[in-house]
Each structure stands twice: as structure tokens, then as C-alpha cells.
Amino acid sequence: MLSLLPASRHANLARRAGVALGTVVVTLYFCLLVMGRAVLGRLRREHVDRYTRVWSAALLRLVGLRLTVQGDCPDFSDGRRYLILCTHSSHYDIPVSFVALPGSIRMLAKSELFRIPFLGRAMRMAEFPFVARHNPQQARRDLELARQMMESGIVLWAAPEGTRSPDGRLQPFKKGCFHLAFDTDAVIVPVAIRGIHQVLPARTWRLNLNQSVQLAIGAPIDTCRYSRDDMAALMDDTRQTMQQLLSEGETRVETQPFEVEMIENRAK
């Protein structure tokens, strides 16, 4: 049977340059939009929610990414604190998550991102918390601010691996986000993104276009069922769930480009 989907292919130098330029232009536009609204006192959380999704959809369209979603997402508006723990093997993990998942999602970012002109300031204004990974005392203060944001209704996105996997396989987990889960009695939502490492492999400029990617949502894990002494068990249960999601075969439940189009229409 003839497939009507575009074939995956490597991007040549001109296309890589075009994607890079397009990414910078789109990102700068939304940074200025956030900063401008914030200066005028007109920036609301719902504005940031919409901007992050339209920004993300634009980045995915630049590389022709085809996204499908598997699993059911919890109701983030039920008054609980939610922490999305996601596999991390590409810079595109974040825009894929923003497009696929509902709620006021903010990434728990490394502090180095806040040094980038325009982007860092816009992220601060848009309620993106950060963690100073190499300063334990500052990291504890950063996590306290993240806790306050979660209690105000923000759904926090974090990568327990801490850094990108070069081959899509799970790396060792760090404890920081699990301490945060205990501090907030959060519900952990395990998420795995399959095939994303092939779009832009970690620490390379080898861009591959028209890739098929699946975001899989696992069963929520309530940290209230664990004690502090059960930290290792919580980490192991989360890891096993994410590993199982990665290992499952492709199951197309919802074709995400249709949702992207709906998001863009609502933003106009």
C-alpha cells in the first residue's frame, strides 16, 4: 500500500540553517510578546499557556515532525499538584510535551537557560522555575520556588535523567525532582517519548526531518502512597513505568497535527 506520509530524510546544510533561523525567529517573537505583555501588566497565565503551545507547534512544523499520543492524561484541574516526569533525549521533548499535554505546563529548567538574552527574561516572566544544578544551597531555594508555583496550579515538567540521552535509552535518575514530589505530595505523571532522539540526536547537529514520534502517558503515581524512606522505591516504580512505555510498540491513538491546527486557530 502506498503511504501518503512524507519519507524521513536527513536535512542538508541549507535546511538545517533554515530550521535554526526559523527557530530563533519564532522563539524571539514569542519572547518579545511575553515581555511586552508583562511590561504593560497584561500578561496572564492563560496567555503563556497559549503562547507555549503555538510556539511549540511552529517548531514541530519546521522539522515536519509527525506526533501521535498514547494513553490518558489526568485532570490537571482537580486541585492536586502534578509533576510530569519525562524521558529526555532531544531538545524537541519540551515542544512535543507542550503540544500534546493540557494544563499550565512549565519546564523545570537548568539555570544556564536564563542567561540567554531575551529567552531567559521571558521565561522568568512566564513563571518558568529553574534549578542551579551545581550549587546545592541555591538549588534548594529554587526547588522551594518551584513548589510554590505547583501549589498555585502550575503543572511542572521535569526530566529525571537530568541530561539528554544520546540513544533514547533511559539514563540514571537524579533525586531532585523526587524530593520536590515529596515536598508537594505531588502526583507523578510518567511520560515517555519514543523516536524523538532521531530528530536531533543529543550533542549533534544531525537533523532528521519528517520523523514519526509517539508520546506515551503512563498511569499516575501518587507520592502520598510512599514515605520519605521509600525514595528508592518511588524512583524505581517511576523508572519501570517509563521503561515500559519506551518498550511498547507504536500505537496511534490520536494524530496530533490535527490538535496543533486547533491550537493555532484558538490563538488567532
Protein backbone atom coordinates (compact mmCIF):
# COMPACT_ATOMS: atom_id res chain seq x y z
CA MET A 1 0.00 0.00 0.00
CA LEU A 2 1.38 3.42 -0.94
CA SER A 3 1.99 5.67 2.06
CA LEU A 4 0.87 9.27 1.75
CA LEU A 5 3.17 10.36 4.61
CA PRO A 6 6.42 12.12 3.65
CA ALA A 7 9.52 9.92 3.94
CA SER A 8 12.05 10.58 6.70
CA ARG A 9 15.22 12.21 5.42
CA HIS A 10 18.38 13.90 6.59
CA ALA A 11 18.39 17.68 6.39
CA ASN A 12 21.13 19.20 4.25
CA LEU A 13 23.13 22.21 5.41
CA ALA A 14 20.73 24.74 3.87
CA ARG A 15 17.71 23.11 5.51
CA ARG A 16 19.47 22.91 8.89
CA ALA A 17 20.29 26.59 8.62
CA GLY A 18 16.67 27.35 7.72
CA VAL A 19 15.34 25.39 10.70
CA ALA A 20 17.83 27.09 13.02
CA LEU A 21 16.91 30.55 11.72
CA GLY A 22 13.19 29.79 11.87
CA THR A 23 13.55 28.52 15.44
CA VAL A 24 15.36 31.69 16.52
CA VAL A 25 12.83 33.99 14.82
CA VAL A 26 9.77 32.18 16.24
CA THR A 27 11.30 31.99 19.72
CA LEU A 28 12.31 35.65 19.69
CA TYR A 29 8.81 36.67 18.57
CA PHE A 30 7.13 34.92 21.48
CA CYS A 31 9.78 36.14 23.93
CA LEU A 32 9.06 39.73 22.90
CA LEU A 33 5.32 39.04 23.09
CA VAL A 34 5.64 37.77 26.68
CA MET A 35 7.96 40.59 27.72
CA GLY A 36 5.76 43.24 26.13
CA ARG A 37 2.62 42.00 27.87
CA ALA A 38 4.49 41.69 31.16
CA VAL A 39 5.78 45.27 30.99
CA LEU A 40 2.24 46.51 30.35
CA GLY A 41 0.91 44.40 33.22
CA ARG A 42 -1.27 42.39 30.84
CA LEU A 43 0.46 39.00 30.95
CA ARG A 44 -1.81 36.27 32.31
CA ARG A 45 -1.12 32.60 32.82
CA GLU A 46 -3.58 31.66 30.10
CA HIS A 47 -1.65 33.84 27.64
CA VAL A 48 1.56 31.95 28.41
CA ASP A 49 -0.26 28.62 28.05
CA ARG A 50 -1.41 29.59 24.57
CA TYR A 51 1.94 31.06 23.53
CA THR A 52 3.94 27.99 24.57
CA ARG A 53 1.65 25.71 22.57
CA VAL A 54 1.64 27.82 19.41
CA TRP A 55 5.43 28.28 19.70
CA SER A 56 5.85 24.53 20.11
CA ALA A 57 3.57 23.73 17.16
CA ALA A 58 5.61 26.07 14.96
CA LEU A 59 8.89 24.37 15.92
CA LEU A 60 7.46 20.92 15.18
CA ARG A 61 6.21 22.07 11.78
CA LEU A 62 9.70 23.35 10.91
CA VAL A 63 11.06 19.81 11.10
CA GLY A 64 7.93 18.08 9.76
CA LEU A 65 7.53 16.05 12.95
CA ARG A 66 4.55 13.66 12.99
CA LEU A 67 3.27 13.19 16.52
CA THR A 68 0.85 10.67 17.96
CA VAL A 69 -0.32 10.36 21.58
CA GLN A 70 -0.98 7.19 23.56
CA GLY A 71 -2.64 6.99 26.98
CA ASP A 72 -4.93 9.17 29.06
CA CYS A 73 -3.84 12.38 30.76
CA PRO A 74 -5.12 13.11 34.30
CA ASP A 75 -7.40 16.06 35.03
CA PHE A 76 -4.87 18.71 35.99
CA SER A 77 -7.63 20.98 37.31
CA ASP A 78 -8.67 18.73 40.21
CA GLY A 79 -6.72 20.68 42.86
CA ARG A 80 -3.79 18.24 43.21
CA ARG A 81 -0.17 19.08 42.44
CA TYR A 82 1.12 17.35 39.31
CA LEU A 83 4.68 16.66 38.22
CA ILE A 84 5.28 15.38 34.70
CA LEU A 85 8.45 13.28 34.61
CA CYS A 86 9.52 12.75 31.02
CA THR A 87 12.26 10.92 29.16
CA HIS A 88 14.83 13.30 27.73
CA SER A 89 16.73 12.58 24.54
CA SER A 90 16.17 15.69 22.42
CA HIS A 91 15.65 19.44 22.59
CA TYR A 92 12.25 18.69 21.00
CA ASP A 93 10.98 16.84 24.09
CA ILE A 94 9.70 20.13 25.52
CA PRO A 95 7.71 21.41 22.49
CA VAL A 96 6.27 17.91 21.94
CA SER A 97 5.09 17.85 25.57
CA PHE A 98 3.60 21.35 25.36
CA VAL A 99 1.61 20.43 22.25
CA ALA A 100 0.43 17.03 23.49
CA LEU A 101 -0.49 17.75 27.11
CA PRO A 102 -3.09 20.11 28.64
CA GLY A 103 -2.78 22.48 31.58
CA SER A 104 -0.44 25.28 32.60
CA ILE A 105 2.76 23.35 32.00
CA ARG A 106 6.12 24.91 32.83
CA MET A 107 9.51 23.28 32.43
CA LEU A 108 11.86 22.99 35.41
CA ALA A 109 14.86 24.42 33.57
CA LYS A 110 18.57 24.45 34.19
CA SER A 111 19.83 27.87 35.29
CA GLU A 112 22.07 28.21 32.22
CA LEU A 113 19.00 28.87 30.06
CA PHE A 114 18.24 32.06 31.96
CA ARG A 115 21.50 33.60 30.76
CA ILE A 116 20.32 33.54 27.14
CA PRO A 117 19.30 37.07 26.03
CA PHE A 118 15.53 37.59 25.73
CA LEU A 119 14.76 33.89 26.37
CA GLY A 120 15.92 33.94 29.98
CA ARG A 121 13.97 37.05 30.90
CA ALA A 122 10.84 35.88 29.07
CA MET A 123 10.98 32.54 30.88
CA ARG A 124 11.17 34.28 34.25
CA MET A 125 8.18 36.44 33.39
CA ALA A 126 6.28 33.37 32.17
CA GLU A 127 6.73 31.52 35.51
CA PHE A 128 9.35 29.01 34.41
CA PRO A 129 11.27 27.87 37.50
CA PHE A 130 14.94 27.00 37.26
CA VAL A 131 17.47 24.98 39.26
CA ALA A 132 21.13 25.80 39.80
CA ARG A 133 22.41 22.26 39.37
CA HIS A 134 25.95 22.98 40.58
CA ASN A 135 25.00 24.96 43.70
CA PRO A 136 23.20 22.75 46.25
CA GLN A 137 22.09 25.61 48.51
CA GLN A 138 20.70 27.65 45.62
CA ALA A 139 19.12 24.50 44.18
CA ARG A 140 17.15 24.01 47.40
CA ARG A 141 15.87 27.57 47.19
CA ASP A 142 15.00 27.05 43.53
CA LEU A 143 13.01 23.92 44.35
CA GLU A 144 11.12 25.81 47.07
CA LEU A 145 10.04 28.37 44.46
CA ALA A 146 9.03 25.53 42.14
CA ARG A 147 6.93 24.08 44.97
CA GLN A 148 5.10 27.40 45.38
CA MET A 149 4.41 27.51 41.65
CA MET A 150 2.96 23.99 41.73
CA GLU A 151 0.70 24.91 44.64
CA SER A 152 -0.61 27.84 42.58
CA GLY A 153 -1.77 25.49 39.83
CA ILE A 154 1.25 25.10 37.56
CA VAL A 155 1.97 21.60 36.25
CA LEU A 156 5.72 21.16 36.36
CA TRP A 157 7.62 19.28 33.63
CA ALA A 158 10.97 17.78 34.58
CA ALA A 159 13.48 15.28 33.21
CA PRO A 160 14.67 12.95 35.99
CA GLU A 161 17.66 11.92 33.86
CA GLY A 162 18.97 15.48 34.09
CA THR A 163 20.58 15.44 30.66
CA ARG A 164 19.72 14.19 27.18
CA SER A 165 20.19 10.53 26.29
CA PRO A 166 22.18 10.08 23.07
CA ASP A 167 20.33 6.91 22.00
CA GLY A 168 16.86 7.20 23.55
CA ARG A 169 17.63 4.77 26.37
CA LEU A 170 16.89 5.73 29.97
CA GLN A 171 19.84 7.07 31.91
CA PRO A 172 20.25 7.05 35.71
CA PHE A 173 17.72 9.21 37.57
CA LYS A 174 18.62 12.13 39.80
CA LYS A 175 16.79 12.68 43.11
CA GLY A 176 15.96 16.40 42.88
CA CYS A 177 12.54 16.15 41.23
CA PHE A 178 11.56 13.26 43.54
CA HIS A 179 12.35 15.41 46.59
CA LEU A 180 10.08 18.03 45.03
CA ALA A 181 7.35 15.41 44.54
CA PHE A 182 7.51 14.51 48.24
CA ASP A 183 7.57 18.18 49.30
CA THR A 184 4.34 18.87 47.41
CA ASP A 185 2.56 15.49 47.79
CA ALA A 186 2.52 15.53 44.01
CA VAL A 187 1.04 13.06 41.59
CA ILE A 188 3.77 11.96 39.20
CA VAL A 189 2.71 11.56 35.57
CA PRO A 190 5.28 9.34 33.79
CA VAL A 191 5.75 10.23 30.12
CA ALA A 192 7.97 8.62 27.51
CA ILE A 193 8.61 9.99 24.03
CA ARG A 194 9.60 7.33 21.54
CA GLY A 195 11.69 8.12 18.48
CA ILE A 196 12.43 11.72 19.48
CA HIS A 197 16.19 11.11 19.70
CA GLN A 198 16.26 10.58 15.93
CA VAL A 199 15.03 14.13 15.20
CA LEU A 200 18.09 15.87 16.61
CA PRO A 201 20.42 13.43 18.40
CA ALA A 202 22.00 14.79 21.58
CA ARG A 203 25.18 16.81 21.14
CA THR A 204 25.00 16.75 17.33
CA TRP A 205 23.70 18.97 14.51
CA ARG A 206 22.41 15.93 12.57
CA LEU A 207 18.83 16.98 11.91
CA ASN A 208 16.37 14.42 10.54
CA LEU A 209 13.08 15.60 9.02
CA ASN A 210 9.59 14.06 8.87
CA GLN A 211 10.16 11.74 11.81
CA SER A 212 7.30 9.81 13.45
CA VAL A 213 7.28 10.30 17.22
CA GLN A 214 4.98 8.84 19.87
CA LEU A 215 4.30 10.40 23.26
CA ALA A 216 3.06 7.78 25.74
CA ILE A 217 1.40 8.69 29.06
CA GLY A 218 1.65 6.20 31.91
CA ALA A 219 -0.58 5.61 34.91
CA PRO A 220 -0.22 8.38 37.54
CA ILE A 221 1.89 7.61 40.61
CA ASP A 222 0.67 9.25 43.85
CA THR A 223 3.59 10.07 46.12
CA CYS A 224 1.20 10.07 49.10
CA ARG A 225 1.43 6.28 48.94
CA TYR A 226 5.16 6.47 49.74
CA SER A 227 7.14 7.70 52.74
CA ARG A 228 10.42 9.59 52.57
CA ASP A 229 12.16 6.35 53.39
CA ASP A 230 10.65 4.90 50.21
CA MET A 231 12.51 7.30 47.91
CA ALA A 232 14.32 4.43 46.17
CA ALA A 233 11.04 2.55 45.65
CA LEU A 234 9.34 5.65 44.18
CA MET A 235 12.25 6.21 41.80
CA ASP A 236 12.26 2.55 40.80
CA ASP A 237 8.49 2.43 40.20
CA THR A 238 8.67 5.60 38.08
CA ARG A 239 11.60 4.26 36.11
CA GLN A 240 9.91 0.92 35.46
CA THR A 241 6.80 2.67 34.18
CA MET A 242 8.79 4.93 31.86
CA GLN A 243 10.87 1.99 30.65
CA GLN A 244 7.72 0.01 29.87
CA LEU A 245 6.32 2.97 27.92
CA LEU A 246 9.53 3.18 25.90
CA SER A 247 9.46 -0.53 25.16
CA GLU A 248 5.89 -0.69 23.91
CA GLY A 249 5.24 -0.85 20.20
CA GLU A 250 3.84 2.10 18.30
CA THR A 251 0.09 2.57 18.90
CA ARG A 252 -1.52 5.50 17.14
CA VAL A 253 -4.43 6.71 19.20
CA GLU A 254 -4.65 10.36 18.26
CA THR A 255 -2.99 12.14 15.34
CA GLN A 256 -1.55 15.22 16.92
CA PRO A 257 -1.14 17.55 13.88
CA PHE A 258 -4.96 17.98 13.93
CA GLU A 259 -4.70 19.19 17.53
CA VAL A 260 -1.87 21.53 16.55
CA GLU A 261 -4.14 23.14 13.98
CA MET A 262 -6.90 23.59 16.57
CA ILE A 263 -4.46 25.24 18.97
CA GLU A 264 -3.27 27.64 16.30
CA ASN A 265 -6.86 28.59 15.40
CA ARG A 266 -7.69 29.35 19.05
CA ALA A 267 -4.66 31.63 19.27
CA LYS A 268 -5.77 33.89 16.41
